[in-house]
Amino acid sequence: MAMQFKPIKPKRVSDQVFEQIREMIFRGELQPGQQLMPERELAAAMEVSRTTIRDAINKLVAIGLLEQKQGQGTFVRTPDSREGGLLAEAMKTQNATLEDLLEVRMGLECNTAALAAQRWTERDLIFMQNSLNEMRAEIGSGRLGSQDDVSFHMAISYASQNPVQVYLMKRFYDFLFVGIKENLQALYEVPGNIELILEQHTRIFEAIKSRDPERAYRTMKQHITFVMDFFKNRKSSFE
């Protein structure tokens, strides 16, 4: 039987716009709650038609990364505001806990940090440093810095230069965002914990920047273990 091949079609411009905006969300360049510039300005900045921009935005709305508010504009959606989202569904139907999420993160992120230490580019370092600076500023202002915390971990994933790892972290994004936010809110109950988290992130960054994969692996493991131990101790105190 003759094999049936399909003709190769060039990638649609709207798909390229979709991918660029999606990457900016995952990398933290566009933050949850942030408003996108109007279609007209986006079209001019990206040198495409407004119809192309509209098609890409509609696709991003459909998958839950953006939301459109009547009379206000288009905004980056926060993962914890998505009704029936991936995290909420798992937590309800599978009885998943924050500790379960941390166990998965332990498996995903320690190796990622080691790979990032070996493979980072200058652009990756800039993203990590910017996220760390923003986190420091947020904490200094009395806030949690959870959005920048997520961006930091996503930047490490991109720095691994492993497309499978990046793919998995993109699919894990909702879990990461809501999990980190919940973690920090609980940690904030104990004075000094948030500053310790910032210090741990700084050590992770320094290990990666030094191209020391063993130290990067170790500091990431110490960070996640610290949070896991906090929740175990917190749980036992209520029992």
C-alpha atoms as a PDB file:
ATOM      1  CA  MET A   1       0.000   0.000   0.000  1.00  0.00           C
ATOM      2  CA  ALA A   2       1.338   3.394  -0.982  1.00  0.00           C
ATOM      3  CA  MET A   3       2.239   5.662   1.919  1.00  0.00           C
ATOM      4  CA  GLN A   4       0.248   8.875   2.160  1.00  0.00           C
ATOM      5  CA  PHE A   5       2.301  11.960   2.919  1.00  0.00           C
ATOM      6  CA  LYS A   6       0.806  15.330   3.765  1.00  0.00           C
ATOM      7  CA  PRO A   7       2.242  18.520   2.266  1.00  0.00           C
ATOM      8  CA  ILE A   8       4.352  20.643   4.613  1.00  0.00           C
ATOM      9  CA  LYS A   9       2.710  23.950   5.439  1.00  0.00           C
ATOM     10  CA  PRO A  10       4.606  26.989   6.690  1.00  0.00           C
ATOM     11  CA  LYS A  11       3.859  27.963  10.290  1.00  0.00           C
ATOM     12  CA  ARG A  12       1.038  30.472  10.529  1.00  0.00           C
ATOM     13  CA  VAL A  13       2.035  33.947  11.673  1.00  0.00           C
ATOM     14  CA  SER A  14      -0.650  33.865  14.385  1.00  0.00           C
ATOM     15  CA  ASP A  15       0.940  30.676  15.764  1.00  0.00           C
ATOM     16  CA  GLN A  16       4.277  32.477  16.011  1.00  0.00           C
ATOM     17  CA  VAL A  17       2.601  35.352  17.869  1.00  0.00           C
ATOM     18  CA  PHE A  18       0.881  32.837  20.160  1.00  0.00           C
ATOM     19  CA  GLU A  19       4.180  31.102  20.954  1.00  0.00           C
ATOM     20  CA  GLN A  20       6.008  34.374  21.646  1.00  0.00           C
ATOM     21  CA  ILE A  21       3.373  35.651  24.085  1.00  0.00           C
ATOM     22  CA  ARG A  22       3.106  32.245  25.751  1.00  0.00           C
ATOM     23  CA  GLU A  23       6.881  32.122  26.277  1.00  0.00           C
ATOM     24  CA  MET A  24       6.814  35.620  27.799  1.00  0.00           C
ATOM     25  CA  ILE A  25       4.190  34.427  30.294  1.00  0.00           C
ATOM     26  CA  PHE A  26       6.133  31.297  31.234  1.00  0.00           C
ATOM     27  CA  ARG A  27       9.384  33.261  31.594  1.00  0.00           C
ATOM     28  CA  GLY A  28       7.705  35.889  33.760  1.00  0.00           C
ATOM     29  CA  GLU A  29       8.166  38.769  31.332  1.00  0.00           C
ATOM     30  CA  LEU A  30       4.371  39.033  31.399  1.00  0.00           C
ATOM     31  CA  GLN A  31       3.186  38.615  34.986  1.00  0.00           C
ATOM     32  CA  PRO A  32      -0.161  37.226  36.181  1.00  0.00           C
ATOM     33  CA  GLY A  33      -2.637  40.084  36.413  1.00  0.00           C
ATOM     34  CA  GLN A  34      -0.659  42.252  33.998  1.00  0.00           C
ATOM     35  CA  GLN A  35      -2.558  43.930  31.177  1.00  0.00           C
ATOM     36  CA  LEU A  36      -1.433  43.444  27.588  1.00  0.00           C
ATOM     37  CA  MET A  37      -1.054  46.489  25.399  1.00  0.00           C
ATOM     38  CA  PRO A  38      -3.999  47.107  23.014  1.00  0.00           C
ATOM     39  CA  GLU A  39      -4.259  45.041  19.814  1.00  0.00           C
ATOM     40  CA  ARG A  40      -3.247  48.015  17.696  1.00  0.00           C
ATOM     41  CA  GLU A  41      -0.014  48.551  19.650  1.00  0.00           C
ATOM     42  CA  LEU A  42       0.791  44.827  19.750  1.00  0.00           C
ATOM     43  CA  ALA A  43       0.286  44.589  15.986  1.00  0.00           C
ATOM     44  CA  ALA A  44       2.655  47.532  15.435  1.00  0.00           C
ATOM     45  CA  ALA A  45       5.275  46.141  17.852  1.00  0.00           C
ATOM     46  CA  MET A  46       5.240  42.677  16.255  1.00  0.00           C
ATOM     47  CA  GLU A  47       4.739  43.989  12.703  1.00  0.00           C
ATOM     48  CA  VAL A  48       1.685  41.848  12.001  1.00  0.00           C
ATOM     49  CA  SER A  49      -1.990  42.548  11.348  1.00  0.00           C
ATOM     50  CA  ARG A  50      -4.538  43.113  14.114  1.00  0.00           C
ATOM     51  CA  THR A  51      -6.392  40.031  12.874  1.00  0.00           C
ATOM     52  CA  THR A  52      -3.258  37.961  13.497  1.00  0.00           C
ATOM     53  CA  ILE A  53      -2.967  39.376  17.022  1.00  0.00           C
ATOM     54  CA  ARG A  54      -6.647  38.691  17.663  1.00  0.00           C
ATOM     55  CA  ASP A  55      -6.310  35.062  16.525  1.00  0.00           C
ATOM     56  CA  ALA A  56      -3.317  34.483  18.812  1.00  0.00           C
ATOM     57  CA  ILE A  57      -5.019  36.136  21.793  1.00  0.00           C
ATOM     58  CA  ASN A  58      -8.187  34.078  21.286  1.00  0.00           C
ATOM     59  CA  LYS A  59      -6.079  30.915  21.376  1.00  0.00           C
ATOM     60  CA  LEU A  60      -4.313  32.039  24.569  1.00  0.00           C
ATOM     61  CA  VAL A  61      -7.706  32.838  26.137  1.00  0.00           C
ATOM     62  CA  ALA A  62      -8.985  29.396  25.137  1.00  0.00           C
ATOM     63  CA  ILE A  63      -6.147  27.610  26.967  1.00  0.00           C
ATOM     64  CA  GLY A  64      -6.524  29.825  30.031  1.00  0.00           C
ATOM     65  CA  LEU A  65      -3.332  31.896  29.888  1.00  0.00           C
ATOM     66  CA  LEU A  66      -5.148  35.157  29.111  1.00  0.00           C
ATOM     67  CA  GLU A  67      -8.534  36.571  30.018  1.00  0.00           C
ATOM     68  CA  GLN A  68     -10.505  39.404  28.445  1.00  0.00           C
ATOM     69  CA  LYS A  69     -12.411  41.801  30.678  1.00  0.00           C
ATOM     70  CA  GLN A  70     -15.247  43.713  29.093  1.00  0.00           C
ATOM     71  CA  GLY A  71     -14.316  47.354  28.600  1.00  0.00           C
ATOM     72  CA  GLN A  72     -10.913  46.917  30.277  1.00  0.00           C
ATOM     73  CA  GLY A  73      -8.708  44.863  27.987  1.00  0.00           C
ATOM     74  CA  THR A  74      -6.760  41.599  27.975  1.00  0.00           C
ATOM     75  CA  PHE A  75      -4.903  40.375  31.062  1.00  0.00           C
ATOM     76  CA  VAL A  76      -2.543  37.549  31.966  1.00  0.00           C
ATOM     77  CA  ARG A  77      -4.635  35.136  33.980  1.00  0.00           C
ATOM     78  CA  THR A  78      -3.476  33.897  37.370  1.00  0.00           C
ATOM     79  CA  PRO A  79      -3.472  30.085  37.509  1.00  0.00           C
ATOM     80  CA  ASP A  80      -5.328  29.998  40.827  1.00  0.00           C
ATOM     81  CA  SER A  81      -8.240  31.916  39.249  1.00  0.00           C
ATOM     82  CA  ARG A  82      -8.937  29.267  36.633  1.00  0.00           C
ATOM     83  CA  GLU A  83     -12.102  27.409  37.494  1.00  0.00           C
ATOM     84  CA  GLY A  84     -11.670  23.681  37.065  1.00  0.00           C
ATOM     85  CA  GLY A  85      -7.951  24.159  36.470  1.00  0.00           C
ATOM     86  CA  LEU A  86      -5.426  21.370  36.474  1.00  0.00           C
ATOM     87  CA  LEU A  87      -4.282  21.878  40.048  1.00  0.00           C
ATOM     88  CA  ALA A  88      -7.769  22.251  41.504  1.00  0.00           C
ATOM     89  CA  GLU A  89      -8.913  19.132  39.691  1.00  0.00           C
ATOM     90  CA  ALA A  90      -5.972  17.056  40.921  1.00  0.00           C
ATOM     91  CA  MET A  91      -6.298  18.299  44.477  1.00  0.00           C
ATOM     92  CA  LYS A  92     -10.001  17.406  44.559  1.00  0.00           C
ATOM     93  CA  THR A  93     -10.084  14.090  42.743  1.00  0.00           C
ATOM     94  CA  GLN A  94      -6.708  12.651  43.726  1.00  0.00           C
ATOM     95  CA  ASN A  95      -6.468  14.066  47.257  1.00  0.00           C
ATOM     96  CA  ALA A  96      -3.179  15.688  46.276  1.00  0.00           C
ATOM     97  CA  THR A  97      -1.397  17.781  48.892  1.00  0.00           C
ATOM     98  CA  LEU A  98       1.279  20.445  48.812  1.00  0.00           C
ATOM     99  CA  GLU A  99       3.696  17.784  50.021  1.00  0.00           C
ATOM    100  CA  ASP A 100       2.826  15.682  46.956  1.00  0.00           C
ATOM    101  CA  LEU A 101       3.646  18.642  44.715  1.00  0.00           C
ATOM    102  CA  LEU A 102       6.944  19.202  46.503  1.00  0.00           C
ATOM    103  CA  GLU A 103       7.918  15.556  45.995  1.00  0.00           C
ATOM    104  CA  VAL A 104       7.371  15.973  42.245  1.00  0.00           C
ATOM    105  CA  ARG A 105       9.339  19.207  42.256  1.00  0.00           C
ATOM    106  CA  MET A 106      12.197  17.438  44.011  1.00  0.00           C
ATOM    107  CA  GLY A 107      12.410  14.985  41.119  1.00  0.00           C
ATOM    108  CA  LEU A 108      12.041  17.606  38.404  1.00  0.00           C
ATOM    109  CA  GLU A 109      14.092  20.512  39.664  1.00  0.00           C
ATOM    110  CA  CYS A 110      17.264  19.147  41.265  1.00  0.00           C
ATOM    111  CA  ASN A 111      18.529  17.648  38.008  1.00  0.00           C
ATOM    112  CA  THR A 112      17.344  20.754  36.185  1.00  0.00           C
ATOM    113  CA  ALA A 113      19.487  22.970  38.394  1.00  0.00           C
ATOM    114  CA  ALA A 114      22.523  20.764  37.706  1.00  0.00           C
ATOM    115  CA  LEU A 115      21.907  20.946  33.950  1.00  0.00           C
ATOM    116  CA  ALA A 116      21.381  24.707  34.120  1.00  0.00           C
ATOM    117  CA  ALA A 117      24.766  25.089  35.829  1.00  0.00           C
ATOM    118  CA  GLN A 118      26.398  23.408  32.856  1.00  0.00           C
ATOM    119  CA  ARG A 119      24.418  24.994  30.030  1.00  0.00           C
ATOM    120  CA  TRP A 120      23.205  28.479  30.909  1.00  0.00           C
ATOM    121  CA  THR A 121      23.532  31.360  28.482  1.00  0.00           C
ATOM    122  CA  GLU A 122      23.884  35.048  29.336  1.00  0.00           C
ATOM    123  CA  ARG A 123      20.191  35.493  28.551  1.00  0.00           C
ATOM    124  CA  ASP A 124      19.280  32.777  31.059  1.00  0.00           C
ATOM    125  CA  LEU A 125      21.357  34.449  33.763  1.00  0.00           C
ATOM    126  CA  ILE A 126      19.618  37.759  33.115  1.00  0.00           C
ATOM    127  CA  PHE A 127      16.190  36.156  33.575  1.00  0.00           C
ATOM    128  CA  MET A 128      17.273  34.452  36.802  1.00  0.00           C
ATOM    129  CA  GLN A 129      18.916  37.595  38.171  1.00  0.00           C
ATOM    130  CA  ASN A 130      15.909  39.775  37.295  1.00  0.00           C
ATOM    131  CA  SER A 131      13.523  37.348  39.008  1.00  0.00           C
ATOM    132  CA  LEU A 132      15.752  37.289  42.081  1.00  0.00           C
ATOM    133  CA  ASN A 133      15.949  41.091  42.177  1.00  0.00           C
ATOM    134  CA  GLU A 134      12.169  41.415  41.848  1.00  0.00           C
ATOM    135  CA  MET A 135      11.662  38.804  44.565  1.00  0.00           C
ATOM    136  CA  ARG A 136      13.997  40.720  46.862  1.00  0.00           C
ATOM    137  CA  ALA A 137      12.141  43.981  46.196  1.00  0.00           C
ATOM    138  CA  GLU A 138       8.741  42.356  46.815  1.00  0.00           C
ATOM    139  CA  ILE A 139       9.851  40.814  50.093  1.00  0.00           C
ATOM    140  CA  GLY A 140      11.435  44.112  51.132  1.00  0.00           C
ATOM    141  CA  SER A 141       8.023  45.729  50.609  1.00  0.00           C
ATOM    142  CA  GLY A 142       6.315  43.186  52.839  1.00  0.00           C
ATOM    143  CA  ARG A 143       4.893  41.030  50.065  1.00  0.00           C
ATOM    144  CA  LEU A 144       5.561  37.370  49.249  1.00  0.00           C
ATOM    145  CA  GLY A 145       7.143  37.671  45.795  1.00  0.00           C
ATOM    146  CA  SER A 146       5.444  34.448  44.690  1.00  0.00           C
ATOM    147  CA  GLN A 147       5.149  35.425  41.010  1.00  0.00           C
ATOM    148  CA  ASP A 148       8.856  36.190  40.813  1.00  0.00           C
ATOM    149  CA  ASP A 149       9.615  32.966  42.689  1.00  0.00           C
ATOM    150  CA  VAL A 150       7.810  31.041  39.934  1.00  0.00           C
ATOM    151  CA  SER A 151       9.665  33.000  37.242  1.00  0.00           C
ATOM    152  CA  PHE A 152      12.982  32.117  38.893  1.00  0.00           C
ATOM    153  CA  HIS A 153      12.252  28.390  38.803  1.00  0.00           C
ATOM    154  CA  MET A 154      10.990  28.589  35.224  1.00  0.00           C
ATOM    155  CA  ALA A 155      14.166  30.463  34.222  1.00  0.00           C
ATOM    156  CA  ILE A 156      16.252  27.610  35.634  1.00  0.00           C
ATOM    157  CA  SER A 157      14.224  25.162  33.571  1.00  0.00           C
ATOM    158  CA  TYR A 158      14.882  27.123  30.369  1.00  0.00           C
ATOM    159  CA  ALA A 159      18.578  27.335  31.279  1.00  0.00           C
ATOM    160  CA  SER A 160      18.767  23.522  31.255  1.00  0.00           C
ATOM    161  CA  GLN A 161      18.460  23.750  27.433  1.00  0.00           C
ATOM    162  CA  ASN A 162      16.555  20.454  27.599  1.00  0.00           C
ATOM    163  CA  PRO A 163      13.369  20.718  25.500  1.00  0.00           C
ATOM    164  CA  VAL A 164      11.687  17.818  27.309  1.00  0.00           C
ATOM    165  CA  GLN A 165      12.372  19.419  30.684  1.00  0.00           C
ATOM    166  CA  VAL A 166      11.027  22.766  29.480  1.00  0.00           C
ATOM    167  CA  TYR A 167       7.938  21.046  28.051  1.00  0.00           C
ATOM    168  CA  LEU A 168       7.263  19.289  31.362  1.00  0.00           C
ATOM    169  CA  MET A 169       7.690  22.510  33.371  1.00  0.00           C
ATOM    170  CA  LYS A 170       5.295  24.347  31.066  1.00  0.00           C
ATOM    171  CA  ARG A 171       2.690  21.662  31.703  1.00  0.00           C
ATOM    172  CA  PHE A 172       3.523  21.872  35.425  1.00  0.00           C
ATOM    173  CA  TYR A 173       3.206  25.675  35.470  1.00  0.00           C
ATOM    174  CA  ASP A 174      -0.208  25.799  37.171  1.00  0.00           C
ATOM    175  CA  PHE A 175       0.976  23.437  39.893  1.00  0.00           C
ATOM    176  CA  LEU A 176       4.188  25.419  40.370  1.00  0.00           C
ATOM    177  CA  PHE A 177       2.403  28.781  40.563  1.00  0.00           C
ATOM    178  CA  VAL A 178      -0.319  27.785  43.016  1.00  0.00           C
ATOM    179  CA  GLY A 179       1.978  25.512  45.022  1.00  0.00           C
ATOM    180  CA  ILE A 180       4.608  28.220  45.536  1.00  0.00           C
ATOM    181  CA  LYS A 181       1.956  30.772  46.470  1.00  0.00           C
ATOM    182  CA  GLU A 182       0.454  28.412  49.062  1.00  0.00           C
ATOM    183  CA  ASN A 183       3.914  27.492  50.360  1.00  0.00           C
ATOM    184  CA  LEU A 184       4.934  31.108  50.884  1.00  0.00           C
ATOM    185  CA  GLN A 185       1.663  32.067  52.560  1.00  0.00           C
ATOM    186  CA  ALA A 186       2.166  29.276  55.102  1.00  0.00           C
ATOM    187  CA  LEU A 187       5.889  29.986  55.548  1.00  0.00           C
ATOM    188  CA  TYR A 188       5.110  33.659  56.180  1.00  0.00           C
ATOM    189  CA  GLU A 189       3.393  32.655  59.428  1.00  0.00           C
ATOM    190  CA  VAL A 190       6.835  32.045  60.972  1.00  0.00           C
ATOM    191  CA  PRO A 191       9.033  35.188  61.193  1.00  0.00           C
ATOM    192  CA  GLY A 192      12.191  35.018  59.130  1.00  0.00           C
ATOM    193  CA  ASN A 193      11.108  32.164  56.864  1.00  0.00           C
ATOM    194  CA  ILE A 194      10.589  34.300  53.759  1.00  0.00           C
ATOM    195  CA  GLU A 195      14.060  35.803  54.161  1.00  0.00           C
ATOM    196  CA  LEU A 196      15.453  32.266  54.423  1.00  0.00           C
ATOM    197  CA  ILE A 197      13.700  31.310  51.186  1.00  0.00           C
ATOM    198  CA  LEU A 198      15.259  34.324  49.472  1.00  0.00           C
ATOM    199  CA  GLU A 199      18.676  33.342  50.808  1.00  0.00           C
ATOM    200  CA  GLN A 200      18.200  29.793  49.490  1.00  0.00           C
ATOM    201  CA  HIS A 201      17.273  31.111  46.040  1.00  0.00           C
ATOM    202  CA  THR A 202      20.375  33.288  46.069  1.00  0.00           C
ATOM    203  CA  ARG A 203      22.563  30.261  46.839  1.00  0.00           C
ATOM    204  CA  ILE A 204      20.924  28.298  44.015  1.00  0.00           C
ATOM    205  CA  PHE A 205      21.611  31.154  41.613  1.00  0.00           C
ATOM    206  CA  GLU A 206      25.234  31.501  42.709  1.00  0.00           C
ATOM    207  CA  ALA A 207      25.825  27.762  42.279  1.00  0.00           C
ATOM    208  CA  ILE A 208      24.344  27.816  38.780  1.00  0.00           C
ATOM    209  CA  LYS A 209      26.264  30.956  37.836  1.00  0.00           C
ATOM    210  CA  SER A 210      29.491  29.333  39.070  1.00  0.00           C
ATOM    211  CA  ARG A 211      28.842  26.406  36.714  1.00  0.00           C
ATOM    212  CA  ASP A 212      28.950  24.018  39.653  1.00  0.00           C
ATOM    213  CA  PRO A 213      26.343  21.316  38.868  1.00  0.00           C
ATOM    214  CA  GLU A 214      26.874  19.365  42.101  1.00  0.00           C
ATOM    215  CA  ARG A 215      26.364  22.461  44.249  1.00  0.00           C
ATOM    216  CA  ALA A 216      23.398  23.538  42.129  1.00  0.00           C
ATOM    217  CA  TYR A 217      21.788  20.124  42.639  1.00  0.00           C
ATOM    218  CA  ARG A 218      22.530  20.219  46.367  1.00  0.00           C
ATOM    219  CA  THR A 219      21.253  23.756  46.986  1.00  0.00           C
ATOM    220  CA  MET A 220      18.025  23.077  45.088  1.00  0.00           C
ATOM    221  CA  LYS A 221      17.512  19.888  47.100  1.00  0.00           C
ATOM    222  CA  GLN A 222      18.167  21.768  50.347  1.00  0.00           C
ATOM    223  CA  HIS A 223      15.630  24.431  49.353  1.00  0.00           C
ATOM    224  CA  ILE A 224      12.823  21.991  48.536  1.00  0.00           C
ATOM    225  CA  THR A 225      13.658  19.823  51.566  1.00  0.00           C
ATOM    226  CA  PHE A 226      13.400  22.903  53.809  1.00  0.00           C
ATOM    227  CA  VAL A 227       9.856  23.574  52.565  1.00  0.00           C
ATOM    228  CA  MET A 228       8.866  19.896  52.826  1.00  0.00           C
ATOM    229  CA  ASP A 229      10.164  19.693  56.421  1.00  0.00           C
ATOM    230  CA  PHE A 230       8.265  22.866  57.300  1.00  0.00           C
ATOM    231  CA  PHE A 231       4.960  21.337  56.195  1.00  0.00           C
ATOM    232  CA  LYS A 232       5.684  18.017  57.904  1.00  0.00           C
ATOM    233  CA  ASN A 233       6.424  19.783  61.182  1.00  0.00           C
ATOM    234  CA  ARG A 234       3.420  22.068  60.738  1.00  0.00           C
ATOM    235  CA  LYS A 235       1.153  19.091  60.121  1.00  0.00           C
ATOM    236  CA  SER A 236       2.439  17.195  63.163  1.00  0.00           C
ATOM    237  CA  SER A 237       1.864  20.232  65.386  1.00  0.00           C
ATOM    238  CA  PHE A 238      -1.831  20.177  64.499  1.00  0.00           C
ATOM    239  CA  GLU A 239      -2.217  16.454  65.185  1.00  0.00           C
END
